[in-house]
C-alpha atoms as a PDB file:
ATOM      1  CA  MET A   1      21.268   5.045 -15.071  1.00  0.00           C
ATOM      2  CA  SER A   2      19.607   8.286 -15.710  1.00  0.00           C
ATOM      3  CA  SER A   3      17.791  10.083 -13.066  1.00  0.00           C
ATOM      4  CA  LEU A   4      14.016   9.738 -12.520  1.00  0.00           C
ATOM      5  CA  GLN A   5      13.942  13.057 -10.647  1.00  0.00           C
ATOM      6  CA  LEU A   6      11.842  15.728 -12.474  1.00  0.00           C
ATOM      7  CA  GLY A   7      14.234  18.482 -11.635  1.00  0.00           C
ATOM      8  CA  SER A   8      17.215  16.535 -12.930  1.00  0.00           C
ATOM      9  CA  ASN A   9      15.452  16.253 -16.230  1.00  0.00           C
ATOM     10  CA  GLY A  10      14.410  19.972 -16.547  1.00  0.00           C
ATOM     11  CA  MET A  11      10.890  19.131 -15.634  1.00  0.00           C
ATOM     12  CA  SER A  12       8.477  20.028 -12.902  1.00  0.00           C
ATOM     13  CA  LEU A  13       4.850  19.556 -12.146  1.00  0.00           C
ATOM     14  CA  ALA A  14       3.966  23.241 -11.926  1.00  0.00           C
ATOM     15  CA  SER A  15       0.405  22.596 -13.203  1.00  0.00           C
ATOM     16  CA  VAL A  16      -1.947  19.615 -13.799  1.00  0.00           C
ATOM     17  CA  ASP A  17      -1.419  20.194 -17.610  1.00  0.00           C
ATOM     18  CA  GLU A  18       2.238  19.148 -17.185  1.00  0.00           C
ATOM     19  CA  VAL A  19       1.559  15.641 -16.237  1.00  0.00           C
ATOM     20  CA  LEU A  20       1.001  14.271 -19.672  1.00  0.00           C
ATOM     21  CA  GLY A  21       4.422  15.721 -20.731  1.00  0.00           C
ATOM     22  CA  ILE A  22       5.970  13.770 -17.937  1.00  0.00           C
ATOM     23  CA  ILE A  23       4.150  10.642 -18.712  1.00  0.00           C
ATOM     24  CA  PHE A  24       5.287  10.869 -22.502  1.00  0.00           C
ATOM     25  CA  SER A  25       8.781  12.224 -21.737  1.00  0.00           C
ATOM     26  CA  GLY A  26      10.424   8.816 -22.009  1.00  0.00           C
ATOM     27  CA  LEU A  27      11.092   8.302 -18.317  1.00  0.00           C
ATOM     28  CA  PRO A  28      10.059   4.947 -17.192  1.00  0.00           C
ATOM     29  CA  ALA A  29       8.671   6.425 -13.921  1.00  0.00           C
ATOM     30  CA  CYS A  30       9.340   9.616 -11.988  1.00  0.00           C
ATOM     31  CA  ILE A  31      10.309  11.080  -8.570  1.00  0.00           C
ATOM     32  CA  VAL A  32       8.532  14.280  -7.701  1.00  0.00           C
ATOM     33  CA  GLN A  33       9.905  16.376  -4.781  1.00  0.00           C
ATOM     34  CA  GLU A  34       8.007  19.230  -3.101  1.00  0.00           C
ATOM     35  CA  GLU A  35       9.784  22.011  -5.062  1.00  0.00           C
ATOM     36  CA  ASP A  36       8.450  20.320  -8.287  1.00  0.00           C
ATOM     37  CA  LEU A  37       4.840  20.848  -7.198  1.00  0.00           C
ATOM     38  CA  PRO A  38       2.413  23.858  -7.720  1.00  0.00           C
ATOM     39  CA  ASP A  39       1.454  25.974  -4.749  1.00  0.00           C
ATOM     40  CA  GLY A  40      -1.545  24.461  -3.072  1.00  0.00           C
ATOM     41  CA  PHE A  41      -0.875  20.955  -4.126  1.00  0.00           C
ATOM     42  CA  PHE A  42      -1.397  19.705  -0.683  1.00  0.00           C
ATOM     43  CA  ASN A  43      -4.519  21.670  -0.144  1.00  0.00           C
ATOM     44  CA  LEU A  44      -6.658  18.665  -0.935  1.00  0.00           C
ATOM     45  CA  GLU A  45      -9.857  20.624  -1.112  1.00  0.00           C
ATOM     46  CA  ASN A  46      -8.805  22.160  -4.536  1.00  0.00           C
ATOM     47  CA  GLY A  47      -8.581  18.815  -6.220  1.00  0.00           C
ATOM     48  CA  ILE A  48      -5.028  19.376  -7.779  1.00  0.00           C
ATOM     49  CA  ALA A  49      -3.403  16.426  -6.188  1.00  0.00           C
ATOM     50  CA  GLY A  50      -6.371  14.187  -7.117  1.00  0.00           C
ATOM     51  CA  GLU A  51      -6.293  15.144 -10.773  1.00  0.00           C
ATOM     52  CA  VAL A  52      -2.522  14.567 -10.933  1.00  0.00           C
ATOM     53  CA  PHE A  53      -2.764  11.187  -9.218  1.00  0.00           C
ATOM     54  CA  GLN A  54      -5.628  10.090 -11.493  1.00  0.00           C
ATOM     55  CA  LYS A  55      -3.625  10.988 -14.683  1.00  0.00           C
ATOM     56  CA  PHE A  56      -0.711   8.788 -13.449  1.00  0.00           C
ATOM     57  CA  VAL A  57      -3.111   5.918 -12.503  1.00  0.00           C
ATOM     58  CA  ASN A  58      -5.023   6.267 -15.936  1.00  0.00           C
ATOM     59  CA  TYR A  59      -1.727   5.918 -17.831  1.00  0.00           C
ATOM     60  CA  LYS A  60      -0.220   3.322 -15.423  1.00  0.00           C
ATOM     61  CA  PHE A  61       2.757   5.556 -14.795  1.00  0.00           C
ATOM     62  CA  ARG A  62       4.560   5.130 -11.415  1.00  0.00           C
ATOM     63  CA  ALA A  63       5.386   8.304  -9.531  1.00  0.00           C
ATOM     64  CA  GLY A  64       7.134   8.473  -6.227  1.00  0.00           C
ATOM     65  CA  PHE A  65       6.466  11.635  -4.243  1.00  0.00           C
ATOM     66  CA  ILE A  66       9.098  12.737  -1.733  1.00  0.00           C
ATOM     67  CA  ILE A  67       7.581  14.279   1.452  1.00  0.00           C
ATOM     68  CA  PRO A  68       9.669  14.596   4.618  1.00  0.00           C
ATOM     69  CA  LEU A  69       8.411  12.364   7.477  1.00  0.00           C
ATOM     70  CA  THR A  70       8.043  15.441   9.472  1.00  0.00           C
ATOM     71  CA  HIS A  71       5.946  17.348   7.072  1.00  0.00           C
ATOM     72  CA  SER A  72       3.276  19.846   8.241  1.00  0.00           C
ATOM     73  CA  HIS A  73       0.730  19.493   5.504  1.00  0.00           C
ATOM     74  CA  GLY A  74      -1.965  18.332   8.004  1.00  0.00           C
ATOM     75  CA  GLU A  75      -4.039  15.123   8.916  1.00  0.00           C
ATOM     76  CA  ARG A  76      -5.632  14.748   5.574  1.00  0.00           C
ATOM     77  CA  VAL A  77      -2.245  14.556   3.765  1.00  0.00           C
ATOM     78  CA  LYS A  78      -0.970  12.107   6.435  1.00  0.00           C
ATOM     79  CA  GLU A  79      -4.079  10.055   5.792  1.00  0.00           C
ATOM     80  CA  LEU A  80      -3.334  10.259   1.980  1.00  0.00           C
ATOM     81  CA  VAL A  81       0.129   9.239   2.422  1.00  0.00           C
ATOM     82  CA  ARG A  82      -1.166   6.071   4.438  1.00  0.00           C
ATOM     83  CA  ASP A  83      -3.705   5.258   1.942  1.00  0.00           C
ATOM     84  CA  HIS A  84      -1.123   5.077  -0.846  1.00  0.00           C
ATOM     85  CA  SER A  85       1.457   3.147   0.901  1.00  0.00           C
ATOM     86  CA  ASN A  86       0.746   0.092  -1.309  1.00  0.00           C
ATOM     87  CA  HIS A  87      -0.627   1.829  -4.251  1.00  0.00           C
ATOM     88  CA  PRO A  88       0.700   0.378  -7.592  1.00  0.00           C
ATOM     89  CA  PHE A  89       1.302   3.843  -9.281  1.00  0.00           C
ATOM     90  CA  VAL A  90       1.447   6.658  -6.755  1.00  0.00           C
ATOM     91  CA  ARG A  91       3.391   6.333  -3.428  1.00  0.00           C
ATOM     92  CA  PHE A  92       5.068   8.705  -0.946  1.00  0.00           C
ATOM     93  CA  PHE A  93       8.557   8.282   0.429  1.00  0.00           C
ATOM     94  CA  GLY A  94      10.726  10.158   2.984  1.00  0.00           C
ATOM     95  CA  SER A  95      13.702  10.034   0.637  1.00  0.00           C
ATOM     96  CA  VAL A  96      14.801   9.770  -3.015  1.00  0.00           C
ATOM     97  CA  GLU A  97      16.647   6.666  -2.211  1.00  0.00           C
ATOM     98  CA  ASP A  98      13.553   4.920  -0.873  1.00  0.00           C
ATOM     99  CA  ALA A  99      11.545   6.035  -4.023  1.00  0.00           C
ATOM    100  CA  GLU A 100      14.345   4.742  -6.292  1.00  0.00           C
ATOM    101  CA  LYS A 101      14.060   1.322  -4.628  1.00  0.00           C
ATOM    102  CA  TRP A 102      10.439   1.068  -5.362  1.00  0.00           C
ATOM    103  CA  LEU A 103      10.687   2.437  -8.906  1.00  0.00           C
ATOM    104  CA  LEU A 104      13.775   0.610 -10.154  1.00  0.00           C
END
């Protein structure tokens, strides 16, 4: 089984423009860790996260985002995580193993 983790495949999500490269990379789904994300991703006011999520949804591509359960990104991000707990394409997990269980 090949890894679904972006970093293990030489990819990152350093900008919104890289989403389509990930979608068309041949991976069946992906796991995104915080170090794969651009600065300001969790500043929800700038719209970066929304653009990224919308591209994954539009192309029906599943992405698991790894965020430690004790993250300090604020209440809006906690709400975002809760709102996506059963989303068909974008979900948040506390570990790579949990994301893999959903994606595989």
